Every structure is written in structure tokens, then in C-alpha cells.
Amino acid sequence: MKFEGPITLILIAITVVVSWMAFNNRKLLDRLILWPPAVDRHRQYDRLVTYGFIHADFAHLLFNMVTLFFFGQAIERLMLRMTGSWWMYLLFYLSALVVSILPSYLKNQKNPNYLSLGASGAVSAILFAFILVSPWSLIFVFFIPAPAILYAVFYVGYSIWMDKKGGDNVNHSAHLAGAAYGVMFMLFMEPGLLQHFLQAVMNPSFGR
């Protein structure tokens, strides 16, 4: 059997298993979650990655993994064609976990009450990498089809607003940082994607 995106499927499997274990094991959750003092004082730098493999609850896990399944495989195939290696995509995902959480970590570096978990930052990076490549593709938002580029505008605006407002226990800063990183990583790999994106935006072709 030939899998379309083996790294994506492996990442999903690992995340589901580790998240499920952490649901029932508080000690494991406490060791993997991003807690800035543990990084700052105890040099547990692995937390800048491991936090992305645990989730707050099943709904949180399901949303991230479904999004990763549909968009991750497309970006994985594209990176394979561009580089000839599956490992570039793995590097992209893991580095997105680190980069997306850095603003939150630096802001709360001395805050013993701050905690963060979930793959949302890396998933945002993958989603926005996809939007850069195919801005007029239809994606489903709560079962409602919407052009990817319009969803991106709403997503960024909403995340900025909620990041300033706060109070919902969602790390919108990681979403924004992840989205920006996804675009920048793709442009670093292939600068010509910027011209492709601008041409696509100026010539709408819904569903493509």
C-alpha cells in the first residue's frame, strides 16, 4: 500500500497516542506541556516541541488532526516534489512548533502560571502554506465551503482581535506566528511562489 503522505500520518498517529495517554496521566501531561520556568530554569528545551503532541481535550485534538490530515498531506507531497526528500516536511512541522510558540514563551518566560499545549501553531503553518500555494481552493469551515484566501483574511483578523482581547484560554499568538512562519518557510524554499500567489489572487478560480 502506498501512502500519499507518510510523515503526516505518522505525526497524526504519534500525536493521537501521546495526547490520549496524557488525558489519563497528569504526570506525563505536566512533563510535556510548555511551562516557561521549566525551559528557563531547568533547560528543558524539548518542551518547545513536546507541547504540540498533547491536547486539552478530545475536541481540541480532533480539530487539529483533521486539519493536519487534509492539508498536511498536500504540503508534504509538494515539498517532496520540490526537494526530493520526505524529511523537509518533517523539519517544517517540528520547526513550526518551535517558532509558533516562541512569542508566547518569550512573553511569559518568567510567568510560573503560564501553560500552553496543542499542535495549533504548526497546523496553522501548514494551513497557510497551503493557502499560499492554492488561495482559491475551497476549504470547509464548520461544513461551510469558503475560498481559502478569504478564510485566511478572517482567520488573521479574528486571531489578532482575540489575542488583544484575551480571556478564552486559546493561544492566538501561536496561531498568528505559525501562519506567518508557514508562508515564510514556503517562500524561502521557492521564492517564485510569491508571484504565483499574486497572480492567482488577481485571477480568481474557485475550487482550484
Protein backbone atom coordinates (compact mmCIF):
# COMPACT_ATOMS: atom_id res chain seq x y z
CA MET A 1 0.00 0.00 0.00
CA LYS A 2 1.38 3.41 -0.95
CA PHE A 3 0.56 6.23 1.44
CA GLU A 4 0.15 9.68 -0.01
CA GLY A 5 1.69 11.43 2.98
CA PRO A 6 3.52 9.03 5.31
CA ILE A 7 5.07 11.71 7.55
CA THR A 8 1.68 13.36 8.07
CA LEU A 9 0.10 10.05 9.02
CA ILE A 10 2.97 9.23 11.40
CA LEU A 11 2.70 12.66 13.05
CA ILE A 12 -1.05 12.21 13.48
CA ALA A 13 -0.60 8.72 14.95
CA ILE A 14 2.05 9.87 17.44
CA THR A 15 0.03 12.93 18.45
CA VAL A 16 -3.16 10.92 18.98
CA VAL A 17 -1.38 8.26 21.06
CA VAL A 18 0.58 10.73 23.20
CA SER A 19 -2.43 13.01 23.68
CA TRP A 20 -4.60 10.07 24.67
CA MET A 21 -2.00 8.88 27.17
CA ALA A 22 -1.72 12.40 28.62
CA PHE A 23 -5.51 12.63 29.04
CA ASN A 24 -5.20 9.92 31.68
CA ASN A 25 -1.73 10.66 33.04
CA ARG A 26 -1.27 14.01 34.73
CA LYS A 27 2.42 13.38 35.33
CA LEU A 28 3.03 12.88 31.61
CA LEU A 29 1.00 15.97 30.76
CA ASP A 30 2.98 18.07 33.23
CA ARG A 31 6.28 16.88 31.75
CA LEU A 32 5.37 17.59 28.11
CA ILE A 33 3.37 20.83 28.38
CA LEU A 34 5.03 24.17 27.69
CA TRP A 35 5.73 25.66 31.12
CA PRO A 36 8.23 28.53 30.64
CA PRO A 37 10.03 28.20 34.02
CA ALA A 38 10.92 24.58 33.17
CA VAL A 39 12.59 25.78 29.98
CA ASP A 40 14.16 28.87 31.52
CA ARG A 41 15.39 27.37 34.79
CA HIS A 42 15.80 23.67 34.08
CA ARG A 43 16.83 23.84 30.40
CA GLN A 44 14.02 21.50 29.33
CA TYR A 45 14.10 22.81 25.77
CA ASP A 46 12.28 19.73 24.49
CA ARG A 47 9.07 21.28 25.83
CA LEU A 48 9.20 23.74 22.91
CA VAL A 49 8.28 20.72 20.74
CA THR A 50 6.56 18.24 23.05
CA TYR A 51 3.77 20.66 23.93
CA GLY A 52 2.49 20.18 20.38
CA PHE A 53 1.90 16.46 20.90
CA ILE A 54 -0.60 16.88 23.74
CA HIS A 55 -4.04 18.50 23.75
CA ALA A 56 -6.54 19.90 26.21
CA ASP A 57 -9.36 17.54 25.26
CA PHE A 58 -10.66 15.27 22.51
CA ALA A 59 -12.32 18.10 20.55
CA HIS A 60 -9.06 20.08 20.53
CA LEU A 61 -7.18 17.00 19.32
CA LEU A 62 -9.78 16.10 16.68
CA PHE A 63 -9.89 19.58 15.13
CA ASN A 64 -6.12 19.83 14.83
CA MET A 65 -5.63 16.31 13.48
CA VAL A 66 -8.42 16.55 10.89
CA THR A 67 -6.94 19.82 9.63
CA LEU A 68 -3.47 18.29 9.57
CA PHE A 69 -4.74 15.23 7.69
CA PHE A 70 -6.30 17.19 4.84
CA PHE A 71 -3.76 19.97 4.37
CA GLY A 72 -0.61 18.29 5.68
CA GLN A 73 -0.60 15.60 3.02
CA ALA A 74 -0.89 18.18 0.24
CA ILE A 75 2.06 20.20 1.58
CA GLU A 76 4.05 17.03 2.21
CA ARG A 77 3.63 15.94 -1.43
CA LEU A 78 4.56 19.41 -2.65
CA MET A 79 7.72 19.52 -0.54
CA LEU A 80 8.66 16.06 -1.78
CA ARG A 81 8.40 17.27 -5.38
CA MET A 82 10.39 20.41 -4.57
CA THR A 83 13.21 18.78 -2.60
CA GLY A 84 13.06 15.05 -3.32
CA SER A 85 13.00 14.35 0.41
CA TRP A 86 10.26 13.50 2.90
CA TRP A 87 12.36 14.95 5.73
CA MET A 88 11.98 18.58 4.66
CA TYR A 89 8.31 18.36 5.59
CA LEU A 90 9.15 16.86 8.99
CA LEU A 91 11.64 19.69 9.57
CA PHE A 92 8.93 22.18 8.58
CA TYR A 93 6.40 20.75 11.04
CA LEU A 94 8.75 20.46 14.01
CA SER A 95 10.31 23.87 13.45
CA ALA A 96 6.80 25.35 13.14
CA LEU A 97 6.03 24.04 16.62
CA VAL A 98 9.07 25.87 17.98
CA VAL A 99 8.66 29.12 16.03
CA SER A 100 4.92 29.43 16.65
CA ILE A 101 5.32 29.18 20.43
CA LEU A 102 8.39 31.43 20.76
CA PRO A 103 6.46 34.74 21.08
CA SER A 104 4.32 33.28 23.86
CA TYR A 105 7.32 31.73 25.57
CA LEU A 106 9.37 34.92 25.48
CA LYS A 107 6.45 36.99 26.72
CA ASN A 108 5.80 34.61 29.61
CA GLN A 109 9.35 33.45 30.26
CA LYS A 110 9.17 34.38 33.95
CA ASN A 111 5.49 33.59 34.42
CA PRO A 112 5.01 30.43 36.53
CA ASN A 113 1.27 30.44 35.84
CA TYR A 114 1.53 30.20 32.05
CA LEU A 115 0.88 26.90 30.28
CA SER A 116 0.37 26.07 26.61
CA LEU A 117 -0.32 22.89 24.67
CA GLY A 118 -1.61 21.71 21.31
CA ALA A 119 -0.47 21.47 17.69
CA SER A 120 -2.44 24.52 16.53
CA GLY A 121 0.63 26.65 15.73
CA ALA A 122 2.20 24.03 13.47
CA VAL A 123 -1.18 23.23 11.91
CA SER A 124 -1.64 26.95 11.16
CA ALA A 125 1.75 26.93 9.44
CA ILE A 126 0.67 24.06 7.21
CA LEU A 127 -2.72 25.62 6.51
CA PHE A 128 -1.21 28.93 5.43
CA ALA A 129 1.46 27.19 3.36
CA PHE A 130 -1.45 25.57 1.52
CA ILE A 131 -3.26 28.90 1.14
CA LEU A 132 -0.11 30.44 -0.38
CA VAL A 133 0.02 27.67 -2.97
CA SER A 134 -3.70 27.43 -3.68
CA PRO A 135 -5.51 30.58 -2.46
CA TRP A 136 -8.83 29.92 -4.21
CA SER A 137 -9.25 26.31 -3.14
CA LEU A 138 -12.46 25.74 -1.25
CA ILE A 139 -11.99 24.72 2.35
CA PHE A 140 -14.76 23.80 4.74
CA VAL A 141 -15.25 25.92 7.84
CA PHE A 142 -17.80 24.22 10.08
CA PHE A 143 -19.06 22.40 6.96
CA ILE A 144 -19.46 25.68 5.04
CA PRO A 145 -17.27 25.98 1.89
CA ALA A 146 -15.17 29.14 1.67
CA PRO A 147 -12.27 30.23 -0.58
CA ALA A 148 -9.01 29.65 1.28
CA ILE A 149 -7.82 33.25 0.81
CA LEU A 150 -10.99 34.70 2.36
CA TYR A 151 -10.73 32.30 5.25
CA ALA A 152 -7.12 33.43 5.74
CA VAL A 153 -8.17 37.09 6.00
CA PHE A 154 -10.87 36.23 8.54
CA TYR A 155 -8.53 33.92 10.46
CA VAL A 156 -5.79 36.52 10.81
CA GLY A 157 -8.20 39.31 11.73
CA TYR A 158 -10.01 37.19 14.29
CA SER A 159 -6.75 35.93 15.81
CA ILE A 160 -5.36 39.46 16.17
CA TRP A 161 -8.58 40.66 17.78
CA MET A 162 -8.81 37.74 20.18
CA ASP A 163 -5.10 37.92 21.03
CA LYS A 164 -5.60 41.51 22.17
CA LYS A 165 -8.88 40.75 23.92
CA GLY A 166 -7.72 37.53 25.63
CA GLY A 167 -9.73 35.57 28.15
CA ASP A 168 -10.60 32.46 26.10
CA ASN A 169 -7.59 30.27 27.00
CA VAL A 170 -6.63 29.93 23.32
CA ASN A 171 -3.10 30.81 22.22
CA HIS A 172 -3.97 33.07 19.28
CA SER A 173 -0.40 34.37 19.24
CA ALA A 174 0.81 30.89 18.29
CA HIS A 175 -1.77 30.73 15.51
CA LEU A 176 -0.52 34.00 14.05
CA ALA A 177 3.16 33.14 14.41
CA GLY A 178 2.55 29.73 12.87
CA ALA A 179 0.64 31.21 9.93
CA ALA A 180 3.43 33.71 9.23
CA TYR A 181 6.09 31.02 9.52
CA GLY A 182 4.26 28.73 7.11
CA VAL A 183 4.25 31.44 4.45
CA MET A 184 7.88 32.43 5.06
CA PHE A 185 9.14 28.85 5.02
CA MET A 186 7.48 28.18 1.67
CA LEU A 187 8.82 31.40 0.18
CA PHE A 188 12.31 30.56 1.43
CA MET A 189 12.07 27.19 -0.32
CA GLU A 190 10.61 28.65 -3.51
CA PRO A 191 10.59 32.47 -3.86
CA GLY A 192 8.63 32.13 -7.10
CA LEU A 193 5.58 31.15 -5.06
CA LEU A 194 5.02 34.84 -4.25
CA GLN A 195 4.45 35.67 -7.90
CA HIS A 196 2.29 32.57 -8.25
CA PHE A 197 0.20 33.67 -5.27
CA LEU A 198 -0.25 37.25 -6.53
CA GLN A 199 -1.25 36.05 -9.99
CA ALA A 200 -3.70 33.57 -8.50
CA VAL A 201 -5.26 36.22 -6.27
CA MET A 202 -5.73 38.55 -9.26
CA ASN A 203 -7.32 35.76 -11.30
CA PRO A 204 -9.89 34.01 -9.10
CA SER A 205 -10.54 30.39 -9.92
CA PHE A 206 -12.77 28.97 -7.25
CA GLY A 207 -12.14 25.40 -6.21
CA ARG A 208 -8.55 25.33 -7.56
